[in-house]
C-alpha atoms as a PDB file:
ATOM      1  CA  UNK A   1      81.199  -6.999 -91.867  1.00  0.00           C
ATOM      2  CA  UNK A   2      77.426  -7.651 -92.615  1.00  0.00           C
ATOM      3  CA  UNK A   3      75.189  -5.460 -93.586  1.00  0.00           C
ATOM      4  CA  UNK A   4      72.100  -6.072 -91.016  1.00  0.00           C
ATOM      5  CA  UNK A   5      68.929  -4.109 -93.239  1.00  0.00           C
ATOM      6  CA  UNK A   6      65.698  -2.753 -90.993  1.00  0.00           C
ATOM      7  CA  UNK A   7      62.918  -2.388 -92.867  1.00  0.00           C
ATOM      8  CA  UNK A   8      60.676   0.409 -90.603  1.00  0.00           C
ATOM      9  CA  UNK A   9      61.916  -0.495 -88.282  1.00  0.00           C
ATOM     10  CA  UNK A  10      58.915   0.955 -85.531  1.00  0.00           C
ATOM     11  CA  UNK A  11      60.239   0.452 -81.752  1.00  0.00           C
ATOM     12  CA  UNK A  12      63.429   2.637 -81.242  1.00  0.00           C
ATOM     13  CA  UNK A  13      65.168  -0.272 -78.292  1.00  0.00           C
ATOM     14  CA  UNK A  14      64.920  -2.524 -80.570  1.00  0.00           C
ATOM     15  CA  UNK A  15      66.497  -0.523 -83.418  1.00  0.00           C
ATOM     16  CA  UNK A  16      68.696   0.412 -80.438  1.00  0.00           C
ATOM     17  CA  UNK A  17      70.100  -3.103 -79.605  1.00  0.00           C
ATOM     18  CA  UNK A  18      70.796  -3.695 -83.193  1.00  0.00           C
ATOM     19  CA  UNK A  19      73.170  -0.569 -83.091  1.00  0.00           C
ATOM     20  CA  UNK A  20      74.460  -1.885 -81.014  1.00  0.00           C
ATOM     21  CA  UNK A  21      75.342  -6.055 -82.265  1.00  0.00           C
ATOM     22  CA  UNK A  22      76.234  -3.893 -85.433  1.00  0.00           C
ATOM     23  CA  UNK A  23      78.864  -2.139 -83.516  1.00  0.00           C
ATOM     24  CA  UNK A  24      80.306  -5.629 -81.963  1.00  0.00           C
ATOM     25  CA  UNK A  25      80.494  -7.136 -85.229  1.00  0.00           C
ATOM     26  CA  UNK A  26      81.935  -4.504 -86.999  1.00  0.00           C
ATOM     27  CA  UNK A  27      78.808  -4.351 -89.582  1.00  0.00           C
ATOM     28  CA  UNK A  28      76.936  -1.449 -90.920  1.00  0.00           C
ATOM     29  CA  UNK A  29      73.222  -0.767 -89.738  1.00  0.00           C
ATOM     30  CA  UNK A  30      70.631   1.033 -92.824  1.00  0.00           C
ATOM     31  CA  UNK A  31      67.502   1.899 -91.793  1.00  0.00           C
ATOM     32  CA  UNK A  32      64.946   1.807 -94.273  1.00  0.00           C
ATOM     33  CA  UNK A  33      62.204   4.866 -94.146  1.00  0.00           C
ATOM     34  CA  UNK A  34      59.482   5.552 -92.673  1.00  0.00           C
ATOM     35  CA  UNK A  35      60.562   5.132 -89.045  1.00  0.00           C
ATOM     36  CA  UNK A  36      57.967   4.256 -86.250  1.00  0.00           C
ATOM     37  CA  UNK A  37      59.985   6.754 -84.120  1.00  0.00           C
ATOM     38  CA  UNK A  38      63.173   9.504 -84.431  1.00  0.00           C
ATOM     39  CA  UNK A  39      66.971   9.045 -84.473  1.00  0.00           C
ATOM     40  CA  UNK A  40      67.032  11.665 -81.791  1.00  0.00           C
ATOM     41  CA  UNK A  41      65.046   9.755 -79.256  1.00  0.00           C
ATOM     42  CA  UNK A  42      65.737   8.460 -76.041  1.00  0.00           C
ATOM     43  CA  UNK A  43      65.049   4.921 -76.803  1.00  0.00           C
ATOM     44  CA  UNK A  44      67.327   4.924 -78.898  1.00  0.00           C
ATOM     45  CA  UNK A  45      69.963   6.926 -77.667  1.00  0.00           C
ATOM     46  CA  UNK A  46      69.755   4.695 -74.237  1.00  0.00           C
ATOM     47  CA  UNK A  47      70.219   1.212 -75.803  1.00  0.00           C
ATOM     48  CA  UNK A  48      72.352   1.894 -78.327  1.00  0.00           C
ATOM     49  CA  UNK A  49      73.924   3.588 -74.408  1.00  0.00           C
ATOM     50  CA  UNK A  50      77.546   6.241 -75.940  1.00  0.00           C
ATOM     51  CA  UNK A  51      78.499   4.102 -78.542  1.00  0.00           C
ATOM     52  CA  UNK A  52      74.914   4.977 -80.413  1.00  0.00           C
ATOM     53  CA  UNK A  53      77.471   7.475 -82.443  1.00  0.00           C
ATOM     54  CA  UNK A  54      80.141   4.751 -83.220  1.00  0.00           C
ATOM     55  CA  UNK A  55      77.294   2.555 -85.075  1.00  0.00           C
ATOM     56  CA  UNK A  56      77.971   2.869 -88.511  1.00  0.00           C
ATOM     57  CA  UNK A  57      74.678   4.212 -89.599  1.00  0.00           C
ATOM     58  CA  UNK A  58      73.022   4.354 -93.364  1.00  0.00           C
ATOM     59  CA  UNK A  59      69.593   5.745 -93.590  1.00  0.00           C
ATOM     60  CA  UNK A  60      68.331   5.860 -96.961  1.00  0.00           C
ATOM     61  CA  UNK A  61      64.653   7.082 -98.181  1.00  0.00           C
ATOM     62  CA  UNK A  62      62.683   3.769 -99.252  1.00  0.00           C
ATOM     63  CA  UNK A  63      64.005   0.522-100.370  1.00  0.00           C
ATOM     64  CA  UNK A  64      64.585   1.532-103.744  1.00  0.00           C
ATOM     65  CA  UNK A  65      66.961   3.868-102.849  1.00  0.00           C
ATOM     66  CA  UNK A  66      68.523   1.307-100.762  1.00  0.00           C
ATOM     67  CA  UNK A  67      69.071  -0.944-103.301  1.00  0.00           C
ATOM     68  CA  UNK A  68      70.286   1.877-105.635  1.00  0.00           C
ATOM     69  CA  UNK A  69      72.811   3.502-103.085  1.00  0.00           C
ATOM     70  CA  UNK A  70      74.975  -0.475-102.039  1.00  0.00           C
ATOM     71  CA  UNK A  71      74.164  -1.961-105.552  1.00  0.00           C
ATOM     72  CA  UNK A  72      73.089  -5.405-102.929  1.00  0.00           C
ATOM     73  CA  UNK A  73      73.965  -8.615-104.693  1.00  0.00           C
ATOM     74  CA  UNK A  74      73.239 -10.757-102.092  1.00  0.00           C
ATOM     75  CA  UNK A  75      70.390 -10.400 -99.972  1.00  0.00           C
ATOM     76  CA  UNK A  76      69.075 -12.954 -96.860  1.00  0.00           C
ATOM     77  CA  UNK A  77      65.388 -11.529 -96.281  1.00  0.00           C
ATOM     78  CA  UNK A  78      64.317 -12.698 -92.611  1.00  0.00           C
ATOM     79  CA  UNK A  79      60.811 -14.386 -92.355  1.00  0.00           C
ATOM     80  CA  UNK A  80      58.650 -16.754 -90.107  1.00  0.00           C
ATOM     81  CA  UNK A  81      56.814 -17.319 -94.007  1.00  0.00           C
ATOM     82  CA  UNK A  82      60.136 -18.708 -95.707  1.00  0.00           C
ATOM     83  CA  UNK A  83      60.833 -22.414 -95.457  1.00  0.00           C
ATOM     84  CA  UNK A  84      64.497 -22.304 -96.024  1.00  0.00           C
ATOM     85  CA  UNK A  85      66.267 -22.517 -92.329  1.00  0.00           C
ATOM     86  CA  UNK A  86      68.656 -20.682 -91.262  1.00  0.00           C
ATOM     87  CA  UNK A  87      71.675 -23.632 -90.956  1.00  0.00           C
ATOM     88  CA  UNK A  88      70.984 -23.881 -94.366  1.00  0.00           C
ATOM     89  CA  UNK A  89      72.409 -20.510 -95.600  1.00  0.00           C
ATOM     90  CA  UNK A  90      76.127 -20.114 -96.152  1.00  0.00           C
ATOM     91  CA  UNK A  91      77.071 -16.386 -95.571  1.00  0.00           C
ATOM     92  CA  UNK A  92      79.650 -14.063 -96.586  1.00  0.00           C
ATOM     93  CA  UNK A  93      80.829 -10.805 -94.897  1.00  0.00           C
ATOM     94  CA  UNK A  94      79.780  -8.214 -97.136  1.00  0.00           C
ATOM     95  CA  UNK A  95      75.795  -9.925 -97.477  1.00  0.00           C
ATOM     96  CA  UNK A  96      73.170  -7.987 -96.129  1.00  0.00           C
ATOM     97  CA  UNK A  97      71.282  -9.657 -93.602  1.00  0.00           C
ATOM     98  CA  UNK A  98      67.406  -7.934 -93.915  1.00  0.00           C
ATOM     99  CA  UNK A  99      64.334  -8.041 -90.936  1.00  0.00           C
ATOM    100  CA  UNK A 100      60.981  -6.365 -91.389  1.00  0.00           C
ATOM    101  CA  UNK A 101      58.604  -4.488 -89.214  1.00  0.00           C
ATOM    102  CA  UNK A 102      58.112  -5.758 -85.920  1.00  0.00           C
ATOM    103  CA  UNK A 103      54.415  -6.300 -85.814  1.00  0.00           C
ATOM    104  CA  UNK A 104      54.234  -6.753 -89.489  1.00  0.00           C
ATOM    105  CA  UNK A 105      57.527  -8.629 -90.665  1.00  0.00           C
ATOM    106  CA  UNK A 106      58.351  -8.199 -94.537  1.00  0.00           C
ATOM    107  CA  UNK A 107      55.925  -7.027 -97.455  1.00  0.00           C
ATOM    108  CA  UNK A 108      54.728  -9.348 -99.402  1.00  0.00           C
ATOM    109  CA  UNK A 109      56.042  -7.460-102.374  1.00  0.00           C
ATOM    110  CA  UNK A 110      59.733  -8.256-100.620  1.00  0.00           C
ATOM    111  CA  UNK A 111      59.146 -11.704 -99.642  1.00  0.00           C
ATOM    112  CA  UNK A 112      57.755 -12.696-103.338  1.00  0.00           C
ATOM    113  CA  UNK A 113      60.911 -10.515-104.937  1.00  0.00           C
ATOM    114  CA  UNK A 114      63.244 -12.165-103.030  1.00  0.00           C
ATOM    115  CA  UNK A 115      62.249 -15.571-102.149  1.00  0.00           C
ATOM    116  CA  UNK A 116      66.167 -17.618-103.415  1.00  0.00           C
ATOM    117  CA  UNK A 117      67.266 -15.585-100.319  1.00  0.00           C
ATOM    118  CA  UNK A 118      64.814 -16.148 -97.536  1.00  0.00           C
ATOM    119  CA  UNK A 119      65.741 -17.881 -94.703  1.00  0.00           C
ATOM    120  CA  UNK A 120      63.317 -18.421 -90.608  1.00  0.00           C
ATOM    121  CA  UNK A 121      65.442 -18.825 -87.833  1.00  0.00           C
ATOM    122  CA  UNK A 122      63.918 -22.653 -86.554  1.00  0.00           C
ATOM    123  CA  UNK A 123      61.139 -22.198 -83.443  1.00  0.00           C
ATOM    124  CA  UNK A 124      59.602 -25.792 -82.354  1.00  0.00           C
ATOM    125  CA  UNK A 125      55.901 -25.877 -83.787  1.00  0.00           C
ATOM    126  CA  UNK A 126      53.339 -24.320 -82.229  1.00  0.00           C
ATOM    127  CA  UNK A 127      55.600 -22.455 -80.200  1.00  0.00           C
ATOM    128  CA  UNK A 128      55.545 -18.816 -80.618  1.00  0.00           C
ATOM    129  CA  UNK A 129      55.051 -16.677 -83.634  1.00  0.00           C
ATOM    130  CA  UNK A 130      58.109 -14.709 -83.874  1.00  0.00           C
ATOM    131  CA  UNK A 131      61.253 -13.561 -81.932  1.00  0.00           C
ATOM    132  CA  UNK A 132      61.954 -10.243 -81.086  1.00  0.00           C
ATOM    133  CA  UNK A 133      63.511  -8.358 -84.015  1.00  0.00           C
ATOM    134  CA  UNK A 134      66.427  -7.769 -81.453  1.00  0.00           C
ATOM    135  CA  UNK A 135      66.976 -11.075 -80.518  1.00  0.00           C
ATOM    136  CA  UNK A 136      66.458 -12.591 -83.856  1.00  0.00           C
ATOM    137  CA  UNK A 137      69.087  -9.947 -85.782  1.00  0.00           C
ATOM    138  CA  UNK A 138      71.639 -11.486 -82.778  1.00  0.00           C
ATOM    139  CA  UNK A 139      70.752 -14.874 -84.031  1.00  0.00           C
ATOM    140  CA  UNK A 140      71.118 -14.385 -87.854  1.00  0.00           C
ATOM    141  CA  UNK A 141      74.624 -11.480 -87.418  1.00  0.00           C
ATOM    142  CA  UNK A 142      76.275 -14.435 -84.696  1.00  0.00           C
ATOM    143  CA  UNK A 143      75.717 -17.957 -87.408  1.00  0.00           C
ATOM    144  CA  UNK A 144      76.851 -15.179 -89.798  1.00  0.00           C
ATOM    145  CA  UNK A 145      79.798 -13.919 -87.872  1.00  0.00           C
ATOM    146  CA  UNK A 146      80.480 -17.753 -86.994  1.00  0.00           C
ATOM    147  CA  UNK A 147      80.581 -19.302 -90.478  1.00  0.00           C
ATOM    148  CA  UNK A 148      83.246 -16.357 -91.893  1.00  0.00           C
ATOM    149  CA  UNK A 149      85.483 -16.419 -88.923  1.00  0.00           C
ATOM    150  CA  UNK A 150      86.225 -20.511 -89.441  1.00  0.00           C
END
């Protein structure tokens, strides 16, 4: 169905939770190195439970290898710095939902290069800087799934 892309994820618990979300929706999880942890770590397996082995997982050495290897066309990059709201986006089944590092988000370079694909999750002004990565993935992934299921 969809493709969830984590660019340089840092926290194994979030990646494990993303794997479970991908498994629950039939989506592929793409991880762009470097990772802030080893995929062998207990935390990833613990959050992914015994499902981790069933996750459709692809690990890429860098962004360019990811683009070359997938031919990804429809990229939706999630950023608190985006103007366009998640509610204003129309999703298709093979879309790539891209999320940045937990502490830094997406790089300026990626946000500039893919400015047309930037989206944000609406939040109350002055409420919080951002949401937890796995929470953000769940919101965007399930909105995309909701749209294509109709």
